[in-house]
Amino acid sequence: MPTDCSIIDTVSGGELVDKTPKAVCQLISNMVANFKQFGTRGDFPSKRVNEVSISNLENKVNDLTSLVRSLA
């Protein structure tokens, strides 16, 4: 698996250290723009979880239990 340095060297068309500071800044700027455009594999919309009131459910179960007892 290639390292980050070898990937950057490949993308830059040669050794990064042989580039001028202006060329390196342009390369990094382009890489950032591409990253923002395509994102990463982990960029998934967050899932929401609905909050449930336990006490409300408990009250409903108690009411149903009382109703069933009164019918029995």
C-alpha atoms as a PDB file:
ATOM      1  CA  MET A   1       0.000   0.000   0.000  1.00  0.00           C
ATOM      2  CA  PRO A   2       1.502   3.348  -0.997  1.00  0.00           C
ATOM      3  CA  THR A   3       2.369   5.894   1.640  1.00  0.00           C
ATOM      4  CA  ASP A   4       1.011   9.430   1.689  1.00  0.00           C
ATOM      5  CA  CYS A   5       4.362  10.765   0.511  1.00  0.00           C
ATOM      6  CA  SER A   6       4.506   8.480  -2.506  1.00  0.00           C
ATOM      7  CA  ILE A   7       0.911   9.350  -3.416  1.00  0.00           C
ATOM      8  CA  ILE A   8       1.701  13.056  -3.256  1.00  0.00           C
ATOM      9  CA  ASP A   9       4.891  12.524  -5.277  1.00  0.00           C
ATOM     10  CA  THR A  10       2.895  10.661  -7.914  1.00  0.00           C
ATOM     11  CA  VAL A  11       0.168  13.311  -8.042  1.00  0.00           C
ATOM     12  CA  SER A  12       2.712  16.111  -8.271  1.00  0.00           C
ATOM     13  CA  GLY A  13       4.486  14.460 -11.202  1.00  0.00           C
ATOM     14  CA  GLY A  14       7.742  13.927  -9.323  1.00  0.00           C
ATOM     15  CA  GLU A  15       9.378  14.491  -5.965  1.00  0.00           C
ATOM     16  CA  LEU A  16       7.511  17.073  -3.929  1.00  0.00           C
ATOM     17  CA  VAL A  17      10.764  18.441  -2.507  1.00  0.00           C
ATOM     18  CA  ASP A  18      11.873  19.361  -6.048  1.00  0.00           C
ATOM     19  CA  LYS A  19       8.878  21.687  -6.512  1.00  0.00           C
ATOM     20  CA  THR A  20       8.874  25.424  -5.873  1.00  0.00           C
ATOM     21  CA  PRO A  21       6.907  26.676  -2.875  1.00  0.00           C
ATOM     22  CA  LYS A  22       4.364  28.226  -5.267  1.00  0.00           C
ATOM     23  CA  ALA A  23       3.897  24.898  -7.105  1.00  0.00           C
ATOM     24  CA  VAL A  24       3.490  23.043  -3.783  1.00  0.00           C
ATOM     25  CA  CYS A  25       0.867  25.541  -2.599  1.00  0.00           C
ATOM     26  CA  GLN A  26      -1.037  25.159  -5.878  1.00  0.00           C
ATOM     27  CA  LEU A  27      -0.880  21.365  -5.631  1.00  0.00           C
ATOM     28  CA  ILE A  28      -2.142  21.358  -2.045  1.00  0.00           C
ATOM     29  CA  SER A  29      -4.872  23.844  -2.939  1.00  0.00           C
ATOM     30  CA  ASN A  30      -6.042  21.583  -5.766  1.00  0.00           C
ATOM     31  CA  MET A  31      -5.981  18.529  -3.498  1.00  0.00           C
ATOM     32  CA  VAL A  32      -8.085  20.329  -0.872  1.00  0.00           C
ATOM     33  CA  ALA A  33     -10.592  21.439  -3.508  1.00  0.00           C
ATOM     34  CA  ASN A  34     -10.898  17.870  -4.778  1.00  0.00           C
ATOM     35  CA  PHE A  35     -11.271  16.510  -1.251  1.00  0.00           C
ATOM     36  CA  LYS A  36     -14.073  18.971  -0.494  1.00  0.00           C
ATOM     37  CA  GLN A  37     -15.812  18.143  -3.757  1.00  0.00           C
ATOM     38  CA  PHE A  38     -15.821  14.377  -3.361  1.00  0.00           C
ATOM     39  CA  GLY A  39     -15.567  14.007   0.422  1.00  0.00           C
ATOM     40  CA  THR A  40     -14.489  10.788   2.066  1.00  0.00           C
ATOM     41  CA  ARG A  41     -15.963   7.340   2.418  1.00  0.00           C
ATOM     42  CA  GLY A  42     -17.033   8.177   5.949  1.00  0.00           C
ATOM     43  CA  ASP A  43     -19.149  11.167   4.937  1.00  0.00           C
ATOM     44  CA  PHE A  44     -22.612   9.806   5.601  1.00  0.00           C
ATOM     45  CA  PRO A  45     -25.558  11.811   6.821  1.00  0.00           C
ATOM     46  CA  SER A  46     -25.957  11.397  10.532  1.00  0.00           C
ATOM     47  CA  LYS A  47     -28.893   9.337  11.656  1.00  0.00           C
ATOM     48  CA  ARG A  48     -31.298  10.869  14.100  1.00  0.00           C
ATOM     49  CA  VAL A  49     -32.674   9.015  17.044  1.00  0.00           C
ATOM     50  CA  ASN A  50     -36.063  10.042  18.330  1.00  0.00           C
ATOM     51  CA  GLU A  51     -36.327  10.537  22.049  1.00  0.00           C
ATOM     52  CA  VAL A  52     -38.923   8.387  23.792  1.00  0.00           C
ATOM     53  CA  SER A  53     -40.469   9.326  27.080  1.00  0.00           C
ATOM     54  CA  ILE A  54     -40.236   6.239  29.305  1.00  0.00           C
ATOM     55  CA  SER A  55     -42.569   7.602  31.951  1.00  0.00           C
ATOM     56  CA  ASN A  56     -45.283   8.175  29.357  1.00  0.00           C
ATOM     57  CA  LEU A  57     -44.964   4.579  28.163  1.00  0.00           C
ATOM     58  CA  GLU A  58     -44.997   3.297  31.714  1.00  0.00           C
ATOM     59  CA  ASN A  59     -48.202   5.232  32.419  1.00  0.00           C
ATOM     60  CA  LYS A  60     -49.875   3.779  29.343  1.00  0.00           C
ATOM     61  CA  VAL A  61     -48.873   0.223  30.298  1.00  0.00           C
ATOM     62  CA  ASN A  62     -50.171   0.775  33.835  1.00  0.00           C
ATOM     63  CA  ASP A  63     -53.459   2.138  32.452  1.00  0.00           C
ATOM     64  CA  LEU A  64     -53.851  -0.863  30.160  1.00  0.00           C
ATOM     65  CA  THR A  65     -53.022  -3.249  33.005  1.00  0.00           C
ATOM     66  CA  SER A  66     -55.674  -1.616  35.194  1.00  0.00           C
ATOM     67  CA  LEU A  67     -58.222  -1.799  32.389  1.00  0.00           C
ATOM     68  CA  VAL A  68     -57.546  -5.501  31.775  1.00  0.00           C
ATOM     69  CA  ARG A  69     -57.805  -6.227  35.514  1.00  0.00           C
ATOM     70  CA  SER A  70     -61.132  -4.418  35.720  1.00  0.00           C
ATOM     71  CA  LEU A  71     -62.453  -6.424  32.755  1.00  0.00           C
ATOM     72  CA  ALA A  72     -61.325  -9.750  34.223  1.00  0.00           C
END
